[in-house]
Amino acid sequence: MAERNAVIASRVGLHARPASIFIAAVKEQSVPVTIAKGDGQPMPASSILSLLGLGASHGDTVTLRAEGEGAEEALEKLAAVLETDLDAE
């Protein structure tokens, strides 16, 4: 299983707009991806309710996990999305 940590760069955290952009990126991947904050339970990264329920704020570290062919590449792409200030676009 591939794993990658990412720091939330959006100024107001992973709220509706950044979460929607991230989910669109997750759905482009060929592997299922989970996301967790701290010691929290991993949740489907493709679910808006899961993402909003994380309560991830600017500067928080989240853990992305995926399994299967292309998992490492998928996590690199998704981490890059989270580490971009999506509120600045």
PDB file of N, CA and C in Angstrom:
ATOM      1  N   MET A   1       0.849  -1.181   0.000  1.00  0.00           N
ATOM      2  CA  MET A   1       0.000   0.000   0.000  1.00  0.00           C
ATOM      3  C   MET A   1       0.891   1.239   0.000  1.00  0.00           C
ATOM      4  N   ALA A   2       0.594   2.150  -0.896  1.00  0.00           N
ATOM      5  CA  ALA A   2       1.328   3.411  -0.982  1.00  0.00           C
ATOM      6  C   ALA A   2       0.727   4.412  -0.005  1.00  0.00           C
ATOM      7  N   GLU A   3       1.589   5.260   0.540  1.00  0.00           N
ATOM      8  CA  GLU A   3       1.144   6.260   1.512  1.00  0.00           C
ATOM      9  C   GLU A   3       1.909   7.545   1.264  1.00  0.00           C
ATOM     10  N   ARG A   4       1.219   8.671   1.426  1.00  0.00           N
ATOM     11  CA  ARG A   4       1.848   9.978   1.219  1.00  0.00           C
ATOM     12  C   ARG A   4       1.202  10.979   2.141  1.00  0.00           C
ATOM     13  N   ASN A   5       2.002  11.752   2.850  1.00  0.00           N
ATOM     14  CA  ASN A   5       1.491  12.839   3.673  1.00  0.00           C
ATOM     15  C   ASN A   5       1.455  14.113   2.844  1.00  0.00           C
ATOM     16  N   ALA A   6       0.480  14.962   3.148  1.00  0.00           N
ATOM     17  CA  ALA A   6       0.361  16.251   2.476  1.00  0.00           C
ATOM     18  C   ALA A   6      -0.083  17.285   3.491  1.00  0.00           C
ATOM     19  N   VAL A   7       0.396  18.496   3.333  1.00  0.00           N
ATOM     20  CA  VAL A   7       0.014  19.604   4.204  1.00  0.00           C
ATOM     21  C   VAL A   7      -1.004  20.461   3.459  1.00  0.00           C
ATOM     22  N   ILE A   8      -2.131  20.730   4.109  1.00  0.00           N
ATOM     23  CA  ILE A   8      -3.205  21.515   3.490  1.00  0.00           C
ATOM     24  C   ILE A   8      -2.728  22.956   3.298  1.00  0.00           C
ATOM     25  N   ALA A   9      -2.713  23.420   2.050  1.00  0.00           N
ATOM     26  CA  ALA A   9      -2.206  24.754   1.744  1.00  0.00           C
ATOM     27  C   ALA A   9      -3.305  25.808   1.626  1.00  0.00           C
ATOM     28  N   SER A  10      -4.537  25.397   1.363  1.00  0.00           N
ATOM     29  CA  SER A  10      -5.613  26.383   1.214  1.00  0.00           C
ATOM     30  C   SER A  10      -5.785  27.153   2.511  1.00  0.00           C
ATOM     31  N   ARG A  11      -5.892  28.467   2.388  1.00  0.00           N
ATOM     32  CA  ARG A  11      -5.922  29.360   3.554  1.00  0.00           C
ATOM     33  C   ARG A  11      -7.024  29.037   4.563  1.00  0.00           C
ATOM     34  N   VAL A  12      -8.154  28.605   4.098  1.00  0.00           N
ATOM     35  CA  VAL A  12      -9.252  28.315   5.022  1.00  0.00           C
ATOM     36  C   VAL A  12      -9.480  26.817   5.172  1.00  0.00           C
ATOM     37  N   GLY A  13      -8.486  26.031   4.785  1.00  0.00           N
ATOM     38  CA  GLY A  13      -8.570  24.591   4.978  1.00  0.00           C
ATOM     39  C   GLY A  13      -9.296  23.887   3.854  1.00  0.00           C
ATOM     40  N   LEU A  14      -9.682  22.665   4.147  1.00  0.00           N
ATOM     41  CA  LEU A  14     -10.322  21.816   3.144  1.00  0.00           C
ATOM     42  C   LEU A  14     -11.837  21.984   3.233  1.00  0.00           C
ATOM     43  N   HIS A  15     -12.309  23.168   2.847  1.00  0.00           N
ATOM     44  CA  HIS A  15     -13.746  23.442   2.853  1.00  0.00           C
ATOM     45  C   HIS A  15     -14.338  23.083   1.490  1.00  0.00           C
ATOM     46  N   ALA A  16     -15.542  23.491   1.210  1.00  0.00           N
ATOM     47  CA  ALA A  16     -16.287  23.020   0.040  1.00  0.00           C
ATOM     48  C   ALA A  16     -15.561  23.188  -1.297  1.00  0.00           C
ATOM     49  N   ARG A  17     -15.056  24.367  -1.610  1.00  0.00           N
ATOM     50  CA  ARG A  17     -14.434  24.574  -2.926  1.00  0.00           C
ATOM     51  C   ARG A  17     -13.161  23.740  -3.086  1.00  0.00           C
ATOM     52  N   PRO A  18     -12.185  23.843  -2.179  1.00  0.00           N
ATOM     53  CA  PRO A  18     -10.993  23.003  -2.327  1.00  0.00           C
ATOM     54  C   PRO A  18     -11.319  21.512  -2.286  1.00  0.00           C
ATOM     55  N   ALA A  19     -12.288  21.131  -1.467  1.00  0.00           N
ATOM     56  CA  ALA A  19     -12.675  19.718  -1.397  1.00  0.00           C
ATOM     57  C   ALA A  19     -13.233  19.251  -2.733  1.00  0.00           C
ATOM     58  N   SER A  20     -14.032  20.071  -3.381  1.00  0.00           N
ATOM     59  CA  SER A  20     -14.595  19.709  -4.688  1.00  0.00           C
ATOM     60  C   SER A  20     -13.505  19.555  -5.746  1.00  0.00           C
ATOM     61  N   ILE A  21     -12.525  20.448  -5.722  1.00  0.00           N
ATOM     62  CA  ILE A  21     -11.413  20.360  -6.673  1.00  0.00           C
ATOM     63  C   ILE A  21     -10.613  19.088  -6.413  1.00  0.00           C
ATOM     64  N   PHE A  22     -10.360  18.794  -5.143  1.00  0.00           N
ATOM     65  CA  PHE A  22      -9.613  17.592  -4.781  1.00  0.00           C
ATOM     66  C   PHE A  22     -10.372  16.337  -5.197  1.00  0.00           C
ATOM     67  N   ILE A  23     -11.667  16.296  -4.965  1.00  0.00           N
ATOM     68  CA  ILE A  23     -12.477  15.126  -5.336  1.00  0.00           C
ATOM     69  C   ILE A  23     -12.434  14.899  -6.845  1.00  0.00           C
ATOM     70  N   ALA A  24     -12.492  15.960  -7.631  1.00  0.00           N
ATOM     71  CA  ALA A  24     -12.393  15.813  -9.081  1.00  0.00           C
ATOM     72  C   ALA A  24     -11.059  15.159  -9.456  1.00  0.00           C
ATOM     73  N   ALA A  25      -9.989  15.541  -8.769  1.00  0.00           N
ATOM     74  CA  ALA A  25      -8.677  14.943  -9.029  1.00  0.00           C
ATOM     75  C   ALA A  25      -8.641  13.480  -8.599  1.00  0.00           C
ATOM     76  N   VAL A  26      -9.284  13.169  -7.479  1.00  0.00           N
ATOM     77  CA  VAL A  26      -9.344  11.782  -6.996  1.00  0.00           C
ATOM     78  C   VAL A  26     -10.062  10.904  -8.022  1.00  0.00           C
ATOM     79  N   LYS A  27     -11.156  11.398  -8.558  1.00  0.00           N
ATOM     80  CA  LYS A  27     -11.952  10.614  -9.513  1.00  0.00           C
ATOM     81  C   LYS A  27     -11.228  10.376 -10.833  1.00  0.00           C
ATOM     82  N   GLU A  28     -10.179  11.150 -11.112  1.00  0.00           N
ATOM     83  CA  GLU A  28      -9.378  10.938 -12.319  1.00  0.00           C
ATOM     84  C   GLU A  28      -8.369   9.800 -12.147  1.00  0.00           C
ATOM     85  N   GLN A  29      -8.165   9.355 -10.915  1.00  0.00           N
ATOM     86  CA  GLN A  29      -7.171   8.316 -10.639  1.00  0.00           C
ATOM     87  C   GLN A  29      -7.769   6.932 -10.867  1.00  0.00           C
ATOM     88  N   SER A  30      -6.890   5.982 -11.156  1.00  0.00           N
ATOM     89  CA  SER A  30      -7.341   4.621 -11.450  1.00  0.00           C
ATOM     90  C   SER A  30      -7.356   3.718 -10.220  1.00  0.00           C
ATOM     91  N   VAL A  31      -7.039   4.278  -9.059  1.00  0.00           N
ATOM     92  CA  VAL A  31      -7.015   3.496  -7.820  1.00  0.00           C
ATOM     93  C   VAL A  31      -7.876   4.178  -6.767  1.00  0.00           C
ATOM     94  N   PRO A  32      -8.495   3.390  -5.865  1.00  0.00           N
ATOM     95  CA  PRO A  32      -9.227   4.007  -4.768  1.00  0.00           C
ATOM     96  C   PRO A  32      -8.258   4.637  -3.780  1.00  0.00           C
ATOM     97  N   VAL A  33      -8.635   5.796  -3.262  1.00  0.00           N
ATOM     98  CA  VAL A  33      -7.767   6.556  -2.362  1.00  0.00           C
ATOM     99  C   VAL A  33      -8.519   6.845  -1.063  1.00  0.00           C
ATOM    100  N   THR A  34      -7.803   6.716   0.059  1.00  0.00           N
ATOM    101  CA  THR A  34      -8.371   7.118   1.346  1.00  0.00           C
ATOM    102  C   THR A  34      -7.579   8.292   1.877  1.00  0.00           C
ATOM    103  N   ILE A  35      -8.200   9.029   2.812  1.00  0.00           N
ATOM    104  CA  ILE A  35      -7.572  10.180   3.441  1.00  0.00           C
ATOM    105  C   ILE A  35      -7.855  10.123   4.934  1.00  0.00           C
ATOM    106  N   ALA A  36      -6.882  10.502   5.734  1.00  0.00           N
ATOM    107  CA  ALA A  36      -7.049  10.530   7.193  1.00  0.00           C
ATOM    108  C   ALA A  36      -6.287  11.722   7.745  1.00  0.00           C
ATOM    109  N   LYS A  37      -6.774  12.260   8.845  1.00  0.00           N
ATOM    110  CA  LYS A  37      -6.094  13.345   9.544  1.00  0.00           C
ATOM    111  C   LYS A  37      -5.650  12.804  10.895  1.00  0.00           C
ATOM    112  N   GLY A  38      -4.379  12.942  11.177  1.00  0.00           N
ATOM    113  CA  GLY A  38      -3.853  12.459  12.447  1.00  0.00           C
ATOM    114  C   GLY A  38      -4.074  10.968  12.603  1.00  0.00           C
ATOM    115  N   ASP A  39      -4.549  10.583  13.779  1.00  0.00           N
ATOM    116  CA  ASP A  39      -4.823   9.176  14.062  1.00  0.00           C
ATOM    117  C   ASP A  39      -6.237   8.767  13.664  1.00  0.00           C
ATOM    118  N   GLY A  40      -6.922   9.628  12.934  1.00  0.00           N
ATOM    119  CA  GLY A  40      -8.304   9.357  12.543  1.00  0.00           C
ATOM    120  C   GLY A  40      -8.440   8.190  11.588  1.00  0.00           C
ATOM    121  N   GLN A  41      -9.636   7.703  11.503  1.00  0.00           N
ATOM    122  CA  GLN A  41      -9.975   6.595  10.625  1.00  0.00           C
ATOM    123  C   GLN A  41      -9.852   7.026   9.159  1.00  0.00           C
ATOM    124  N   PRO A  42      -9.186   6.233   8.311  1.00  0.00           N
ATOM    125  CA  PRO A  42      -9.140   6.560   6.882  1.00  0.00           C
ATOM    126  C   PRO A  42     -10.543   6.526   6.272  1.00  0.00           C
ATOM    127  N   MET A  43     -10.829   7.523   5.434  1.00  0.00           N
ATOM    128  CA  MET A  43     -12.135   7.637   4.794  1.00  0.00           C
ATOM    129  C   MET A  43     -11.946   7.761   3.287  1.00  0.00           C
ATOM    130  N   PRO A  44     -12.970   7.432   2.520  1.00  0.00           N
ATOM    131  CA  PRO A  44     -12.854   7.567   1.064  1.00  0.00           C
ATOM    132  C   PRO A  44     -12.566   9.017   0.675  1.00  0.00           C
ATOM    133  N   ALA A  45     -11.516   9.224  -0.097  1.00  0.00           N
ATOM    134  CA  ALA A  45     -11.137  10.576  -0.503  1.00  0.00           C
ATOM    135  C   ALA A  45     -12.063  11.130  -1.578  1.00  0.00           C
ATOM    136  N   SER A  46     -12.923  10.300  -2.120  1.00  0.00           N
ATOM    137  CA  SER A  46     -13.847  10.749  -3.167  1.00  0.00           C
ATOM    138  C   SER A  46     -15.192  11.221  -2.605  1.00  0.00           C
ATOM    139  N   SER A  47     -15.318  11.267  -1.281  1.00  0.00           N
ATOM    140  CA  SER A  47     -16.578  11.651  -0.636  1.00  0.00           C
ATOM    141  C   SER A  47     -16.488  13.053  -0.050  1.00  0.00           C
ATOM    142  N   ILE A  48     -17.356  13.947  -0.496  1.00  0.00           N
ATOM    143  CA  ILE A  48     -17.363  15.315   0.018  1.00  0.00           C
ATOM    144  C   ILE A  48     -17.652  15.317   1.525  1.00  0.00           C
ATOM    145  N   LEU A  49     -18.536  14.445   1.975  1.00  0.00           N
ATOM    146  CA  LEU A  49     -18.850  14.399   3.404  1.00  0.00           C
ATOM    147  C   LEU A  49     -17.644  13.949   4.220  1.00  0.00           C
ATOM    148  N   SER A  50     -16.899  12.996   3.690  1.00  0.00           N
ATOM    149  CA  SER A  50     -15.683  12.544   4.383  1.00  0.00           C
ATOM    150  C   SER A  50     -14.672  13.677   4.484  1.00  0.00           C
ATOM    151  N   LEU A  51     -14.476  14.391   3.399  1.00  0.00           N
ATOM    152  CA  LEU A  51     -13.490  15.468   3.399  1.00  0.00           C
ATOM    153  C   LEU A  51     -13.884  16.600   4.335  1.00  0.00           C
ATOM    154  N   LEU A  52     -15.137  16.997   4.272  1.00  0.00           N
ATOM    155  CA  LEU A  52     -15.583  18.069   5.158  1.00  0.00           C
ATOM    156  C   LEU A  52     -15.552  17.617   6.617  1.00  0.00           C
ATOM    157  N   GLY A  53     -15.827  16.340   6.848  1.00  0.00           N
ATOM    158  CA  GLY A  53     -15.806  15.788   8.203  1.00  0.00           C
ATOM    159  C   GLY A  53     -14.422  15.711   8.814  1.00  0.00           C
ATOM    160  N   LEU A  54     -13.381  15.751   7.980  1.00  0.00           N
ATOM    161  CA  LEU A  54     -12.015  15.736   8.504  1.00  0.00           C
ATOM    162  C   LEU A  54     -11.722  16.967   9.352  1.00  0.00           C
ATOM    163  N   GLY A  55     -12.311  18.081   8.968  1.00  0.00           N
ATOM    164  CA  GLY A  55     -12.016  19.326   9.664  1.00  0.00           C
ATOM    165  C   GLY A  55     -10.579  19.756   9.459  1.00  0.00           C
ATOM    166  N   ALA A  56     -10.023  19.497   8.273  1.00  0.00           N
ATOM    167  CA  ALA A  56      -8.633  19.821   7.989  1.00  0.00           C
ATOM    168  C   ALA A  56      -8.480  21.311   7.725  1.00  0.00           C
ATOM    169  N   SER A  57      -7.636  21.950   8.516  1.00  0.00           N
ATOM    170  CA  SER A  57      -7.381  23.381   8.401  1.00  0.00           C
ATOM    171  C   SER A  57      -6.056  23.643   7.707  1.00  0.00           C
ATOM    172  N   HIS A  58      -5.834  24.904   7.361  1.00  0.00           N
ATOM    173  CA  HIS A  58      -4.566  25.314   6.759  1.00  0.00           C
ATOM    174  C   HIS A  58      -3.406  24.866   7.648  1.00  0.00           C
ATOM    175  N   GLY A  59      -2.448  24.176   7.050  1.00  0.00           N
ATOM    176  CA  GLY A  59      -1.279  23.719   7.791  1.00  0.00           C
ATOM    177  C   GLY A  59      -1.404  22.336   8.394  1.00  0.00           C
ATOM    178  N   ASP A  60      -2.597  21.761   8.394  1.00  0.00           N
ATOM    179  CA  ASP A  60      -2.782  20.398   8.906  1.00  0.00           C
ATOM    180  C   ASP A  60      -2.175  19.386   7.944  1.00  0.00           C
ATOM    181  N   THR A  61      -1.680  18.292   8.502  1.00  0.00           N
ATOM    182  CA  THR A  61      -1.144  17.205   7.695  1.00  0.00           C
ATOM    183  C   THR A  61      -2.181  16.099   7.593  1.00  0.00           C
ATOM    184  N   VAL A  62      -2.412  15.633   6.372  1.00  0.00           N
ATOM    185  CA  VAL A  62      -3.307  14.502   6.139  1.00  0.00           C
ATOM    186  C   VAL A  62      -2.503  13.384   5.484  1.00  0.00           C
ATOM    187  N   THR A  63      -2.998  12.161   5.625  1.00  0.00           N
ATOM    188  CA  THR A  63      -2.343  11.007   5.042  1.00  0.00           C
ATOM    189  C   THR A  63      -3.223  10.416   3.963  1.00  0.00           C
ATOM    190  N   LEU A  64      -2.662  10.294   2.771  1.00  0.00           N
ATOM    191  CA  LEU A  64      -3.351   9.679   1.640  1.00  0.00           C
ATOM    192  C   LEU A  64      -2.811   8.261   1.477  1.00  0.00           C
ATOM    193  N   ARG A  65      -3.700   7.318   1.183  1.00  0.00           N
ATOM    194  CA  ARG A  65      -3.288   5.933   0.955  1.00  0.00           C
ATOM    195  C   ARG A  65      -4.024   5.390  -0.265  1.00  0.00           C
ATOM    196  N   ALA A  66      -3.306   4.543  -1.003  1.00  0.00           N
ATOM    197  CA  ALA A  66      -3.894   3.890  -2.171  1.00  0.00           C
ATOM    198  C   ALA A  66      -3.160   2.585  -2.403  1.00  0.00           C
ATOM    199  N   GLU A  67      -3.848   1.670  -3.058  1.00  0.00           N
ATOM    200  CA  GLU A  67      -3.253   0.376  -3.361  1.00  0.00           C
ATOM    201  C   GLU A  67      -3.569   0.023  -4.804  1.00  0.00           C
ATOM    202  N   GLY A  68      -2.595  -0.557  -5.472  1.00  0.00           N
ATOM    203  CA  GLY A  68      -2.792  -0.984  -6.845  1.00  0.00           C
ATOM    204  C   GLY A  68      -1.797  -0.336  -7.775  1.00  0.00           C
ATOM    205  N   GLU A  69      -1.868  -0.750  -9.019  1.00  0.00           N
ATOM    206  CA  GLU A  69      -0.952  -0.225 -10.026  1.00  0.00           C
ATOM    207  C   GLU A  69      -1.196   1.266 -10.227  1.00  0.00           C
ATOM    208  N   GLY A  70      -0.142   2.038 -10.123  1.00  0.00           N
ATOM    209  CA  GLY A  70      -0.247   3.489 -10.282  1.00  0.00           C
ATOM    210  C   GLY A  70      -0.535   4.227  -8.996  1.00  0.00           C
ATOM    211  N   ALA A  71      -0.523   3.533  -7.865  1.00  0.00           N
ATOM    212  CA  ALA A  71      -0.869   4.164  -6.589  1.00  0.00           C
ATOM    213  C   ALA A  71       0.105   5.284  -6.213  1.00  0.00           C
ATOM    214  N   GLU A  72       1.401   5.041  -6.363  1.00  0.00           N
ATOM    215  CA  GLU A  72       2.399   6.063  -6.007  1.00  0.00           C
ATOM    216  C   GLU A  72       2.197   7.328  -6.832  1.00  0.00           C
ATOM    217  N   GLU A  73       2.028   7.163  -8.119  1.00  0.00           N
ATOM    218  CA  GLU A  73       1.830   8.305  -9.015  1.00  0.00           C
ATOM    219  C   GLU A  73       0.545   9.051  -8.664  1.00  0.00           C
ATOM    220  N   ALA A  74      -0.511   8.320  -8.381  1.00  0.00           N
ATOM    221  CA  ALA A  74      -1.789   8.938  -8.022  1.00  0.00           C
ATOM    222  C   ALA A  74      -1.646   9.780  -6.756  1.00  0.00           C
ATOM    223  N   LEU A  75      -0.963   9.237  -5.763  1.00  0.00           N
ATOM    224  CA  LEU A  75      -0.807   9.967  -4.504  1.00  0.00           C
ATOM    225  C   LEU A  75       0.054  11.207  -4.674  1.00  0.00           C
ATOM    226  N   GLU A  76       1.064  11.147  -5.528  1.00  0.00           N
ATOM    227  CA  GLU A  76       1.887  12.326  -5.796  1.00  0.00           C
ATOM    228  C   GLU A  76       1.038  13.439  -6.404  1.00  0.00           C
ATOM    229  N   LYS A  77       0.196  13.080  -7.363  1.00  0.00           N
ATOM    230  CA  LYS A  77      -0.675  14.068  -8.007  1.00  0.00           C
ATOM    231  C   LYS A  77      -1.653  14.669  -7.005  1.00  0.00           C
ATOM    232  N   LEU A  78      -2.242  13.813  -6.185  1.00  0.00           N
ATOM    233  CA  LEU A  78      -3.245  14.290  -5.228  1.00  0.00           C
ATOM    234  C   LEU A  78      -2.612  15.133  -4.129  1.00  0.00           C
ATOM    235  N   ALA A  79      -1.432  14.750  -3.679  1.00  0.00           N
ATOM    236  CA  ALA A  79      -0.733  15.546  -2.663  1.00  0.00           C
ATOM    237  C   ALA A  79      -0.425  16.932  -3.227  1.00  0.00           C
ATOM    238  N   ALA A  80      -0.055  16.998  -4.493  1.00  0.00           N
ATOM    239  CA  ALA A  80       0.231  18.290  -5.118  1.00  0.00           C
ATOM    240  C   ALA A  80      -1.006  19.186  -5.125  1.00  0.00           C
ATOM    241  N   VAL A  81      -2.180  18.591  -5.318  1.00  0.00           N
ATOM    242  CA  VAL A  81      -3.428  19.374  -5.282  1.00  0.00           C
ATOM    243  C   VAL A  81      -3.634  19.943  -3.877  1.00  0.00           C
ATOM    244  N   LEU A  82      -3.479  19.105  -2.857  1.00  0.00           N
ATOM    245  CA  LEU A  82      -3.688  19.560  -1.487  1.00  0.00           C
ATOM    246  C   LEU A  82      -2.654  20.596  -1.059  1.00  0.00           C
ATOM    247  N   GLU A  83      -1.461  20.507  -1.622  1.00  0.00           N
ATOM    248  CA  GLU A  83      -0.380  21.417  -1.231  1.00  0.00           C
ATOM    249  C   GLU A  83      -0.361  22.685  -2.086  1.00  0.00           C
ATOM    250  N   THR A  84      -1.449  22.933  -2.792  1.00  0.00           N
ATOM    251  CA  THR A  84      -1.654  24.150  -3.570  1.00  0.00           C
ATOM    252  C   THR A  84      -2.740  24.961  -2.891  1.00  0.00           C
ATOM    253  N   ASP A  85      -2.546  26.278  -2.799  1.00  0.00           N
ATOM    254  CA  ASP A  85      -3.577  27.130  -2.210  1.00  0.00           C
ATOM    255  C   ASP A  85      -4.709  27.274  -3.224  1.00  0.00           C
ATOM    256  N   LEU A  86      -5.707  26.415  -3.112  1.00  0.00           N
ATOM    257  CA  LEU A  86      -6.808  26.388  -4.064  1.00  0.00           C
ATOM    258  C   LEU A  86      -7.744  27.587  -3.914  1.00  0.00           C
ATOM    259  N   ASP A  87      -7.597  28.330  -2.821  1.00  0.00           N
ATOM    260  CA  ASP A  87      -8.393  29.545  -2.627  1.00  0.00           C
ATOM    261  C   ASP A  87      -7.817  30.712  -3.409  1.00  0.00           C
ATOM    262  N   ALA A  88      -6.556  30.601  -3.830  1.00  0.00           N
ATOM    263  CA  ALA A  88      -5.894  31.689  -4.539  1.00  0.00           C
ATOM    264  C   ALA A  88      -6.228  31.690  -6.025  1.00  0.00           C
ATOM    265  N   GLU A  89      -6.779  30.591  -6.517  1.00  0.00           N
ATOM    266  CA  GLU A  89      -7.065  30.493  -7.959  1.00  0.00           C
ATOM    267  C   GLU A  89      -8.321  31.225  -8.324  1.00  0.00           C
TER     268      GLU A  89
END
